[in-house]
Amino acid sequence: MAWSRTALAAAPTSSDLVIGHETAAALGVRLVFTERVEGAMALRRSFTVAPGERALVVENVVTTGGSALEVAELLRAAGAEVAGLATIVDRLPEGAVLPLPYHALARVAAETWEAGDCPACGSGAGPEAPGSRRGVHQAGR
């Protein structure tokens, strides 16, 4: 497997810690995770990446790939080599291609619409916003 020389697994958010931990354990490598600081992903909590380390980004669900690609860029900026992205569930739009090696255990088709064409919006139910950057708005919460 292309990931056999991986030195670390990187989880984009704390919600990816379980899959990140288990992937790191299976590969026999360490785990780092990132957090958003003023809207941008950052390594915190004494996590560091050494120049030349080979990293695998690991996420529970990839919906747009935005968070994973942001983490990949953060790791590259620190001098790491990004081996690829692994996820449990791939929810990318049909035909989407990420600019790094990518592996998913399952593919789930997720319909998307432009805001004006959204059936839930038209019915007054409101849209769901999956992913770590947005939450579903629920009245009373």
N, C-alpha and C. Protein backbone atom coordinates (compact mmCIF):
# COMPACT_ATOMS: atom_id res chain seq x y z
N MET A 1 0.85 -1.19 0.00
CA MET A 1 0.00 0.00 0.00
C MET A 1 0.89 1.24 0.00
N ALA A 2 0.46 2.26 -0.70
CA ALA A 2 1.23 3.50 -0.82
C ALA A 2 1.40 4.21 0.52
N TRP A 3 0.62 3.84 1.51
CA TRP A 3 0.67 4.53 2.79
C TRP A 3 1.58 3.82 3.78
N SER A 4 2.30 2.80 3.34
CA SER A 4 3.12 2.02 4.26
C SER A 4 4.27 2.83 4.85
N ARG A 5 4.74 3.86 4.17
CA ARG A 5 5.83 4.68 4.71
C ARG A 5 5.31 5.88 5.50
N THR A 6 4.04 5.89 5.83
CA THR A 6 3.44 7.01 6.55
C THR A 6 4.02 7.12 7.96
N ALA A 7 4.34 8.34 8.36
CA ALA A 7 4.91 8.59 9.68
C ALA A 7 3.87 9.08 10.67
N LEU A 8 2.76 9.62 10.17
CA LEU A 8 1.72 10.12 11.08
C LEU A 8 0.38 10.17 10.38
N ALA A 9 -0.67 10.10 11.19
CA ALA A 9 -2.03 10.30 10.72
C ALA A 9 -2.48 11.66 11.24
N ALA A 10 -3.21 12.39 10.43
CA ALA A 10 -3.68 13.72 10.82
C ALA A 10 -5.20 13.77 10.70
N ALA A 11 -5.87 14.07 11.80
CA ALA A 11 -7.32 14.18 11.82
C ALA A 11 -7.69 15.66 11.74
N PRO A 12 -8.54 16.04 10.77
CA PRO A 12 -8.88 17.46 10.62
C PRO A 12 -9.58 18.08 11.82
N THR A 13 -10.41 17.34 12.53
CA THR A 13 -11.13 17.92 13.68
C THR A 13 -11.22 16.89 14.79
N SER A 14 -11.64 17.33 15.96
CA SER A 14 -11.77 16.41 17.08
C SER A 14 -12.82 15.33 16.81
N SER A 15 -13.78 15.59 15.93
CA SER A 15 -14.77 14.56 15.60
C SER A 15 -14.16 13.43 14.79
N ASP A 16 -12.96 13.63 14.26
CA ASP A 16 -12.26 12.60 13.49
C ASP A 16 -11.24 11.85 14.33
N LEU A 17 -11.22 12.10 15.64
CA LEU A 17 -10.20 11.49 16.50
C LEU A 17 -10.28 9.97 16.56
N VAL A 18 -11.47 9.42 16.61
CA VAL A 18 -11.57 7.96 16.73
C VAL A 18 -11.00 7.27 15.50
N ILE A 19 -11.44 7.67 14.30
CA ILE A 19 -10.92 7.05 13.09
C ILE A 19 -9.44 7.40 12.92
N GLY A 20 -9.04 8.60 13.29
CA GLY A 20 -7.64 8.97 13.22
C GLY A 20 -6.79 8.11 14.14
N HIS A 21 -7.25 7.92 15.37
CA HIS A 21 -6.53 7.10 16.34
C HIS A 21 -6.41 5.66 15.86
N GLU A 22 -7.49 5.10 15.39
CA GLU A 22 -7.47 3.71 14.95
C GLU A 22 -6.61 3.52 13.71
N THR A 23 -6.63 4.49 12.81
CA THR A 23 -5.78 4.41 11.63
C THR A 23 -4.31 4.51 12.02
N ALA A 24 -4.00 5.45 12.91
CA ALA A 24 -2.62 5.59 13.39
C ALA A 24 -2.16 4.30 14.07
N ALA A 25 -3.02 3.71 14.90
CA ALA A 25 -2.67 2.47 15.59
C ALA A 25 -2.43 1.34 14.59
N ALA A 26 -3.28 1.24 13.58
CA ALA A 26 -3.13 0.18 12.57
C ALA A 26 -1.84 0.35 11.77
N LEU A 27 -1.45 1.60 11.53
CA LEU A 27 -0.22 1.86 10.78
C LEU A 27 1.02 1.90 11.68
N GLY A 28 0.80 1.92 13.00
CA GLY A 28 1.92 1.99 13.94
C GLY A 28 2.60 3.36 13.93
N VAL A 29 1.79 4.42 13.75
CA VAL A 29 2.33 5.78 13.69
C VAL A 29 1.62 6.66 14.71
N ARG A 30 2.09 7.88 14.85
CA ARG A 30 1.47 8.80 15.79
C ARG A 30 0.32 9.55 15.13
N LEU A 31 -0.52 10.15 15.96
CA LEU A 31 -1.68 10.92 15.50
C LEU A 31 -1.51 12.37 15.90
N VAL A 32 -1.84 13.26 15.00
CA VAL A 32 -2.00 14.68 15.31
C VAL A 32 -3.39 15.08 14.85
N PHE A 33 -3.93 16.13 15.46
CA PHE A 33 -5.18 16.65 14.93
C PHE A 33 -5.13 18.16 14.91
N THR A 34 -5.94 18.73 14.06
CA THR A 34 -5.97 20.17 13.91
C THR A 34 -7.25 20.72 14.49
N GLU A 35 -7.23 22.01 14.75
CA GLU A 35 -8.40 22.72 15.24
C GLU A 35 -8.47 24.05 14.50
N ARG A 36 -9.66 24.58 14.43
CA ARG A 36 -9.82 25.90 13.80
C ARG A 36 -9.43 26.98 14.80
N VAL A 37 -8.59 27.88 14.35
CA VAL A 37 -8.20 29.05 15.13
C VAL A 37 -8.47 30.25 14.24
N GLU A 38 -9.41 31.08 14.66
CA GLU A 38 -9.83 32.24 13.88
C GLU A 38 -10.17 31.85 12.44
N GLY A 39 -10.88 30.72 12.30
CA GLY A 39 -11.37 30.28 11.00
C GLY A 39 -10.43 29.44 10.17
N ALA A 40 -9.18 29.26 10.60
CA ALA A 40 -8.21 28.49 9.82
C ALA A 40 -7.72 27.29 10.63
N MET A 41 -7.48 26.18 9.94
CA MET A 41 -6.95 25.00 10.60
C MET A 41 -5.54 25.29 11.11
N ALA A 42 -5.24 24.75 12.31
CA ALA A 42 -3.93 24.96 12.92
C ALA A 42 -3.57 23.73 13.75
N LEU A 43 -2.28 23.46 13.84
CA LEU A 43 -1.78 22.46 14.77
C LEU A 43 -1.67 23.14 16.13
N ARG A 44 -2.28 22.56 17.14
CA ARG A 44 -2.23 23.11 18.50
C ARG A 44 -1.88 21.99 19.45
N ARG A 45 -1.97 22.26 20.74
CA ARG A 45 -1.77 21.26 21.79
C ARG A 45 -0.43 20.54 21.67
N SER A 46 0.60 21.28 21.32
CA SER A 46 1.98 20.78 21.19
C SER A 46 2.19 19.83 20.02
N PHE A 47 1.21 19.73 19.11
CA PHE A 47 1.41 18.90 17.92
C PHE A 47 2.35 19.61 16.96
N THR A 48 3.27 18.87 16.41
CA THR A 48 4.18 19.40 15.41
C THR A 48 4.36 18.37 14.31
N VAL A 49 4.82 18.85 13.18
CA VAL A 49 5.12 17.99 12.04
C VAL A 49 6.52 18.35 11.59
N ALA A 50 7.38 17.36 11.44
CA ALA A 50 8.75 17.60 11.03
C ALA A 50 8.86 17.63 9.51
N PRO A 51 9.73 18.46 8.98
CA PRO A 51 9.96 18.47 7.54
C PRO A 51 10.31 17.06 7.05
N GLY A 52 9.67 16.66 5.96
CA GLY A 52 9.92 15.35 5.37
C GLY A 52 9.06 14.23 5.90
N GLU A 53 8.32 14.45 7.02
CA GLU A 53 7.44 13.40 7.52
C GLU A 53 6.32 13.15 6.51
N ARG A 54 5.94 11.90 6.38
CA ARG A 54 4.88 11.51 5.45
C ARG A 54 3.58 11.38 6.25
N ALA A 55 2.55 12.12 5.84
CA ALA A 55 1.30 12.19 6.60
C ALA A 55 0.12 11.68 5.78
N LEU A 56 -0.79 11.04 6.47
CA LEU A 56 -2.06 10.60 5.90
C LEU A 56 -3.17 11.36 6.60
N VAL A 57 -3.97 12.10 5.86
CA VAL A 57 -5.12 12.80 6.43
C VAL A 57 -6.26 11.80 6.53
N VAL A 58 -6.90 11.74 7.72
CA VAL A 58 -7.95 10.75 7.97
C VAL A 58 -9.18 11.47 8.50
N GLU A 59 -10.32 11.23 7.85
CA GLU A 59 -11.56 11.92 8.21
C GLU A 59 -12.72 10.93 8.23
N ASN A 60 -13.70 11.15 9.10
CA ASN A 60 -14.89 10.30 9.15
C ASN A 60 -15.66 10.33 7.84
N VAL A 61 -16.02 11.54 7.43
CA VAL A 61 -16.86 11.74 6.25
C VAL A 61 -16.27 12.88 5.42
N VAL A 62 -16.14 12.66 4.13
CA VAL A 62 -15.71 13.72 3.23
C VAL A 62 -16.93 14.15 2.43
N THR A 63 -17.36 15.39 2.66
CA THR A 63 -18.52 15.93 1.96
C THR A 63 -18.10 16.83 0.81
N THR A 64 -17.17 17.73 1.06
CA THR A 64 -16.65 18.59 0.00
C THR A 64 -15.15 18.40 -0.19
N GLY A 65 -14.47 17.89 0.83
CA GLY A 65 -13.02 17.75 0.81
C GLY A 65 -12.31 18.99 1.30
N GLY A 66 -13.05 20.05 1.59
CA GLY A 66 -12.46 21.32 1.97
C GLY A 66 -11.59 21.24 3.21
N SER A 67 -12.08 20.64 4.28
CA SER A 67 -11.31 20.57 5.53
C SER A 67 -10.06 19.72 5.34
N ALA A 68 -10.21 18.58 4.68
CA ALA A 68 -9.06 17.69 4.46
C ALA A 68 -8.00 18.37 3.61
N LEU A 69 -8.41 19.08 2.58
CA LEU A 69 -7.44 19.77 1.72
C LEU A 69 -6.77 20.91 2.46
N GLU A 70 -7.51 21.57 3.34
CA GLU A 70 -6.92 22.63 4.16
C GLU A 70 -5.85 22.05 5.10
N VAL A 71 -6.14 20.89 5.68
CA VAL A 71 -5.17 20.23 6.55
C VAL A 71 -3.96 19.78 5.74
N ALA A 72 -4.20 19.24 4.55
CA ALA A 72 -3.09 18.82 3.68
C ALA A 72 -2.17 20.00 3.39
N GLU A 73 -2.76 21.15 3.11
CA GLU A 73 -1.95 22.34 2.82
C GLU A 73 -1.18 22.79 4.06
N LEU A 74 -1.81 22.73 5.24
CA LEU A 74 -1.14 23.07 6.49
C LEU A 74 0.06 22.15 6.72
N LEU A 75 -0.12 20.86 6.49
CA LEU A 75 0.97 19.90 6.66
C LEU A 75 2.10 20.16 5.67
N ARG A 76 1.74 20.43 4.42
CA ARG A 76 2.77 20.74 3.41
C ARG A 76 3.55 22.00 3.79
N ALA A 77 2.84 23.00 4.29
CA ALA A 77 3.50 24.25 4.70
C ALA A 77 4.49 24.00 5.83
N ALA A 78 4.23 22.96 6.65
CA ALA A 78 5.15 22.60 7.74
C ALA A 78 6.29 21.71 7.24
N GLY A 79 6.26 21.37 5.94
CA GLY A 79 7.32 20.57 5.36
C GLY A 79 7.02 19.09 5.21
N ALA A 80 5.81 18.68 5.60
CA ALA A 80 5.45 17.27 5.49
C ALA A 80 5.10 16.91 4.05
N GLU A 81 5.18 15.64 3.75
CA GLU A 81 4.71 15.09 2.47
C GLU A 81 3.35 14.48 2.75
N VAL A 82 2.33 14.86 2.02
CA VAL A 82 0.99 14.33 2.24
C VAL A 82 0.79 13.12 1.34
N ALA A 83 0.63 11.95 1.98
CA ALA A 83 0.48 10.69 1.25
C ALA A 83 -0.88 10.56 0.61
N GLY A 84 -1.91 11.14 1.24
CA GLY A 84 -3.26 11.04 0.71
C GLY A 84 -4.30 11.31 1.78
N LEU A 85 -5.52 10.97 1.43
CA LEU A 85 -6.69 11.16 2.29
C LEU A 85 -7.45 9.85 2.37
N ALA A 86 -7.80 9.44 3.58
CA ALA A 86 -8.61 8.25 3.80
C ALA A 86 -9.84 8.64 4.60
N THR A 87 -10.97 8.05 4.26
CA THR A 87 -12.21 8.35 4.96
C THR A 87 -13.06 7.10 5.09
N ILE A 88 -14.00 7.14 6.02
CA ILE A 88 -14.96 6.06 6.13
C ILE A 88 -16.02 6.24 5.04
N VAL A 89 -16.61 7.44 4.97
CA VAL A 89 -17.71 7.70 4.04
C VAL A 89 -17.36 8.81 3.07
N ASP A 90 -17.50 8.53 1.80
CA ASP A 90 -17.31 9.49 0.72
C ASP A 90 -18.68 10.04 0.32
N ARG A 91 -18.90 11.33 0.55
CA ARG A 91 -20.14 12.00 0.14
C ARG A 91 -19.86 13.07 -0.91
N LEU A 92 -18.70 13.00 -1.56
CA LEU A 92 -18.37 13.99 -2.59
C LEU A 92 -19.40 13.96 -3.70
N PRO A 93 -19.63 15.09 -4.34
CA PRO A 93 -20.53 15.10 -5.50
C PRO A 93 -20.02 14.13 -6.57
N GLU A 94 -20.94 13.50 -7.27
CA GLU A 94 -20.58 12.56 -8.33
C GLU A 94 -19.59 13.19 -9.30
N GLY A 95 -18.50 12.49 -9.57
CA GLY A 95 -17.51 12.98 -10.51
C GLY A 95 -16.44 13.89 -9.92
N ALA A 96 -16.58 14.25 -8.64
CA ALA A 96 -15.58 15.13 -8.01
C ALA A 96 -14.25 14.38 -7.88
N VAL A 97 -13.17 15.09 -8.11
CA VAL A 97 -11.84 14.51 -8.01
C VAL A 97 -11.01 15.38 -7.07
N LEU A 98 -10.37 14.76 -6.10
CA LEU A 98 -9.50 15.48 -5.18
C LEU A 98 -8.06 15.45 -5.69
N PRO A 99 -7.28 16.48 -5.39
CA PRO A 99 -5.92 16.56 -5.91
C PRO A 99 -4.88 15.79 -5.08
N LEU A 100 -5.28 14.66 -4.50
CA LEU A 100 -4.36 13.81 -3.77
C LEU A 100 -4.92 12.40 -3.75
N PRO A 101 -4.10 11.38 -3.53
CA PRO A 101 -4.62 10.02 -3.47
C PRO A 101 -5.73 9.93 -2.42
N TYR A 102 -6.80 9.21 -2.76
CA TYR A 102 -8.01 9.21 -1.94
C TYR A 102 -8.58 7.81 -1.86
N HIS A 103 -8.95 7.39 -0.64
CA HIS A 103 -9.58 6.09 -0.46
C HIS A 103 -10.72 6.21 0.54
N ALA A 104 -11.87 5.65 0.20
CA ALA A 104 -13.04 5.64 1.07
C ALA A 104 -13.53 4.21 1.24
N LEU A 105 -14.04 3.89 2.42
CA LEU A 105 -14.60 2.57 2.65
C LEU A 105 -16.01 2.44 2.08
N ALA A 106 -16.75 3.55 2.01
CA ALA A 106 -18.12 3.52 1.50
C ALA A 106 -18.43 4.80 0.75
N ARG A 107 -19.29 4.70 -0.24
CA ARG A 107 -19.73 5.86 -1.02
C ARG A 107 -21.21 6.06 -0.75
N VAL A 108 -21.59 7.28 -0.37
CA VAL A 108 -22.99 7.63 -0.13
C VAL A 108 -23.33 8.81 -1.03
N ALA A 109 -24.29 8.62 -1.91
CA ALA A 109 -24.71 9.71 -2.79
C ALA A 109 -25.47 10.73 -1.97
N ALA A 110 -25.06 11.97 -2.04
CA ALA A 110 -25.71 13.05 -1.31
C ALA A 110 -26.19 14.08 -2.32
N GLU A 111 -27.49 14.22 -2.40
CA GLU A 111 -28.04 15.20 -3.34
C GLU A 111 -27.74 16.62 -2.86
N THR A 112 -27.47 17.50 -3.80
CA THR A 112 -27.26 18.92 -3.50
C THR A 112 -28.04 19.74 -4.51
N TRP A 113 -28.41 20.95 -4.10
CA TRP A 113 -29.14 21.87 -4.96
C TRP A 113 -28.61 23.27 -4.75
N GLU A 114 -28.83 24.11 -5.72
CA GLU A 114 -28.62 25.54 -5.53
C GLU A 114 -29.66 26.01 -4.52
N ALA A 115 -29.38 27.06 -3.77
CA ALA A 115 -30.27 27.51 -2.69
C ALA A 115 -31.71 27.71 -3.16
N GLY A 116 -31.91 28.29 -4.33
CA GLY A 116 -33.26 28.55 -4.82
C GLY A 116 -34.00 27.30 -5.25
N ASP A 117 -33.31 26.20 -5.47
CA ASP A 117 -33.92 24.95 -5.94
C ASP A 117 -34.09 23.91 -4.85
N CYS A 118 -33.70 24.22 -3.63
CA CYS A 118 -33.71 23.26 -2.54
C CYS A 118 -35.15 22.91 -2.13
N PRO A 119 -35.56 21.62 -2.24
CA PRO A 119 -36.93 21.24 -1.87
C PRO A 119 -37.24 21.50 -0.39
N ALA A 120 -36.29 21.26 0.50
CA ALA A 120 -36.53 21.50 1.93
C ALA A 120 -36.73 22.98 2.20
N CYS A 121 -35.96 23.83 1.51
CA CYS A 121 -36.10 25.27 1.70
C CYS A 121 -37.47 25.73 1.23
N GLY A 122 -37.90 25.21 0.09
CA GLY A 122 -39.20 25.58 -0.46
C GLY A 122 -40.36 25.15 0.42
N SER A 123 -40.17 24.05 1.18
CA SER A 123 -41.24 23.56 2.05
C SER A 123 -41.22 24.24 3.41
N GLY A 124 -40.17 25.04 3.66
CA GLY A 124 -40.04 25.71 4.95
C GLY A 124 -39.29 24.89 5.98
N ALA A 125 -38.88 23.67 5.62
CA ALA A 125 -38.18 22.81 6.58
C ALA A 125 -36.75 23.27 6.82
N GLY A 126 -36.16 23.94 5.85
CA GLY A 126 -34.77 24.39 5.99
C GLY A 126 -33.79 23.32 5.56
N PRO A 127 -32.60 23.74 5.20
CA PRO A 127 -31.60 22.79 4.71
C PRO A 127 -30.81 22.14 5.84
N GLU A 128 -30.26 20.96 5.54
CA GLU A 128 -29.27 20.36 6.42
C GLU A 128 -27.92 20.84 5.94
N ALA A 129 -26.99 21.01 6.85
CA ALA A 129 -25.65 21.48 6.48
C ALA A 129 -24.62 20.53 7.07
N PRO A 130 -24.38 19.38 6.41
CA PRO A 130 -23.40 18.45 6.96
C PRO A 130 -21.99 18.99 6.88
N GLY A 131 -21.13 18.45 7.69
CA GLY A 131 -19.74 18.88 7.70
C GLY A 131 -19.41 19.56 9.01
N SER A 132 -18.13 19.81 9.23
CA SER A 132 -17.70 20.35 10.51
C SER A 132 -17.83 21.86 10.60
N ARG A 133 -18.05 22.53 9.50
CA ARG A 133 -18.06 23.99 9.52
C ARG A 133 -19.44 24.57 9.78
N ARG A 134 -20.48 23.79 9.52
CA ARG A 134 -21.83 24.30 9.67
C ARG A 134 -22.64 23.30 10.47
N GLY A 135 -23.58 23.80 11.22
CA GLY A 135 -24.48 22.91 11.94
C GLY A 135 -25.88 23.09 11.42
N VAL A 136 -26.75 22.16 11.73
CA VAL A 136 -28.15 22.27 11.33
C VAL A 136 -28.84 23.20 12.32
N HIS A 137 -29.49 24.23 11.81
CA HIS A 137 -30.21 25.16 12.67
C HIS A 137 -31.52 24.51 13.10
N GLN A 138 -31.75 24.45 14.39
CA GLN A 138 -32.99 23.91 14.91
C GLN A 138 -33.61 24.95 15.84
N ALA A 139 -34.89 25.21 15.64
CA ALA A 139 -35.58 26.21 16.46
C ALA A 139 -35.50 25.81 17.92
N GLY A 140 -35.30 26.77 18.78
CA GLY A 140 -35.29 26.53 20.21
C GLY A 140 -33.95 26.09 20.76
N ARG A 141 -32.94 25.99 19.91
CA ARG A 141 -31.62 25.56 20.39
C ARG A 141 -30.64 26.66 20.31
